[in-house]
Amino acid sequence: MLATVSKWGNSLAIRIPRGIAEDAHLEEGATLDLRTEGGKIVAEPVAPPTLDSLLAAVTPENLHHEQFDDRPRGVEAW
């Protein structure tokens, strides 16, 4: 299937035909890894991170302290 490259702002763009998008399980908002391999453009879908994978990346070094602090700040009555 042929596609035409169009100008989109300062970049170039192509439309992905519905059949190809369905075959690749792409939906609007999907993330693609774009790269070149041997002079060809490769667009590979990237799965969104799972909660388990995000939590596995938390370490004591990058864990922040508690952010919610509801103690009085001034003369307000609680």
C-alpha atoms as a PDB file:
ATOM      1  CA  MET A   1       0.000   0.000   0.000  1.00  0.00           C
ATOM      2  CA  LEU A   2       1.303   3.449  -0.871  1.00  0.00           C
ATOM      3  CA  ALA A   3       1.013   6.479   1.398  1.00  0.00           C
ATOM      4  CA  THR A   4       1.805  10.128   0.723  1.00  0.00           C
ATOM      5  CA  VAL A   5       4.080  12.095   3.022  1.00  0.00           C
ATOM      6  CA  SER A   6       2.557  15.459   3.940  1.00  0.00           C
ATOM      7  CA  LYS A   7       3.857  18.508   5.779  1.00  0.00           C
ATOM      8  CA  TRP A   8       2.526  18.939   9.327  1.00  0.00           C
ATOM      9  CA  GLY A   9       3.953  22.071  10.923  1.00  0.00           C
ATOM     10  CA  ASN A  10       7.738  21.722  10.831  1.00  0.00           C
ATOM     11  CA  SER A  11       7.468  17.926  10.590  1.00  0.00           C
ATOM     12  CA  LEU A  12       6.340  15.357   8.060  1.00  0.00           C
ATOM     13  CA  ALA A  13       3.368  13.032   8.502  1.00  0.00           C
ATOM     14  CA  ILE A  14       1.618  10.057   6.942  1.00  0.00           C
ATOM     15  CA  ARG A  15      -1.871   8.719   7.568  1.00  0.00           C
ATOM     16  CA  ILE A  16      -2.108   5.126   8.694  1.00  0.00           C
ATOM     17  CA  PRO A  17      -4.942   3.420   6.811  1.00  0.00           C
ATOM     18  CA  ARG A  18      -7.661   1.836   8.966  1.00  0.00           C
ATOM     19  CA  GLY A  19      -6.862  -1.725   7.868  1.00  0.00           C
ATOM     20  CA  ILE A  20      -3.207  -1.413   8.805  1.00  0.00           C
ATOM     21  CA  ALA A  21      -4.082   0.249  12.123  1.00  0.00           C
ATOM     22  CA  GLU A  22      -6.503  -2.573  12.925  1.00  0.00           C
ATOM     23  CA  ASP A  23      -3.942  -5.238  11.997  1.00  0.00           C
ATOM     24  CA  ALA A  24      -1.392  -3.551  14.302  1.00  0.00           C
ATOM     25  CA  HIS A  25      -4.019  -3.057  17.055  1.00  0.00           C
ATOM     26  CA  LEU A  26      -3.481   0.716  16.979  1.00  0.00           C
ATOM     27  CA  GLU A  27      -5.996   3.154  18.393  1.00  0.00           C
ATOM     28  CA  GLU A  28      -6.020   6.920  18.617  1.00  0.00           C
ATOM     29  CA  GLY A  29      -3.495   8.050  21.220  1.00  0.00           C
ATOM     30  CA  ALA A  30      -1.312   4.925  20.873  1.00  0.00           C
ATOM     31  CA  THR A  31       2.432   5.352  21.362  1.00  0.00           C
ATOM     32  CA  LEU A  32       4.825   4.194  18.645  1.00  0.00           C
ATOM     33  CA  ASP A  33       8.579   3.655  18.758  1.00  0.00           C
ATOM     34  CA  LEU A  34       9.883   5.212  15.509  1.00  0.00           C
ATOM     35  CA  ARG A  35      13.345   4.322  14.227  1.00  0.00           C
ATOM     36  CA  THR A  36      15.224   3.583  11.044  1.00  0.00           C
ATOM     37  CA  GLU A  37      16.697   0.186  10.250  1.00  0.00           C
ATOM     38  CA  GLY A  38      18.703  -0.289   7.081  1.00  0.00           C
ATOM     39  CA  GLY A  39      17.235   2.828   5.495  1.00  0.00           C
ATOM     40  CA  LYS A  40      13.655   1.805   6.326  1.00  0.00           C
ATOM     41  CA  ILE A  41      11.278   3.477   8.768  1.00  0.00           C
ATOM     42  CA  VAL A  42      10.008   1.119  11.462  1.00  0.00           C
ATOM     43  CA  ALA A  43       7.006   2.060  13.634  1.00  0.00           C
ATOM     44  CA  GLU A  44       6.501  -0.366  16.511  1.00  0.00           C
ATOM     45  CA  PRO A  45       3.589  -0.046  18.971  1.00  0.00           C
ATOM     46  CA  VAL A  46       4.643   0.419  22.602  1.00  0.00           C
ATOM     47  CA  ALA A  47       2.389  -1.021  25.291  1.00  0.00           C
ATOM     48  CA  PRO A  48       1.450   1.428  28.044  1.00  0.00           C
ATOM     49  CA  PRO A  49       3.160   0.715  31.357  1.00  0.00           C
ATOM     50  CA  THR A  50       1.268  -1.364  33.898  1.00  0.00           C
ATOM     51  CA  LEU A  51       0.857  -0.343  37.522  1.00  0.00           C
ATOM     52  CA  ASP A  52       3.041  -3.290  38.558  1.00  0.00           C
ATOM     53  CA  SER A  53       5.874  -2.190  36.238  1.00  0.00           C
ATOM     54  CA  LEU A  54       5.662   1.403  37.513  1.00  0.00           C
ATOM     55  CA  LEU A  55       5.706   0.287  41.149  1.00  0.00           C
ATOM     56  CA  ALA A  56       8.646  -2.050  40.479  1.00  0.00           C
ATOM     57  CA  ALA A  57      10.665   1.022  39.480  1.00  0.00           C
ATOM     58  CA  VAL A  58      10.164   2.686  42.889  1.00  0.00           C
ATOM     59  CA  THR A  59      13.304   2.464  45.000  1.00  0.00           C
ATOM     60  CA  PRO A  60      14.305   4.011  48.328  1.00  0.00           C
ATOM     61  CA  GLU A  61      16.437   6.488  46.336  1.00  0.00           C
ATOM     62  CA  ASN A  62      13.562   7.825  44.203  1.00  0.00           C
ATOM     63  CA  LEU A  63      10.729   7.520  46.752  1.00  0.00           C
ATOM     64  CA  HIS A  64       9.533  10.965  47.783  1.00  0.00           C
ATOM     65  CA  HIS A  65       8.371  11.937  51.231  1.00  0.00           C
ATOM     66  CA  GLU A  66       4.723  12.401  52.132  1.00  0.00           C
ATOM     67  CA  GLN A  67       3.225  15.283  50.154  1.00  0.00           C
ATOM     68  CA  PHE A  68      -0.055  15.795  52.035  1.00  0.00           C
ATOM     69  CA  ASP A  69       0.355  18.051  55.041  1.00  0.00           C
ATOM     70  CA  ASP A  70      -2.881  19.443  56.458  1.00  0.00           C
ATOM     71  CA  ARG A  71      -1.633  21.117  59.624  1.00  0.00           C
ATOM     72  CA  PRO A  72      -2.705  24.723  60.192  1.00  0.00           C
ATOM     73  CA  ARG A  73      -0.606  27.315  58.382  1.00  0.00           C
ATOM     74  CA  GLY A  74      -1.786  30.502  59.995  1.00  0.00           C
ATOM     75  CA  VAL A  75      -4.454  31.514  62.468  1.00  0.00           C
ATOM     76  CA  GLU A  76      -7.259  29.419  60.978  1.00  0.00           C
ATOM     77  CA  ALA A  77      -9.264  27.296  63.417  1.00  0.00           C
ATOM     78  CA  TRP A  78      -9.499  23.566  62.773  1.00  0.00           C
END
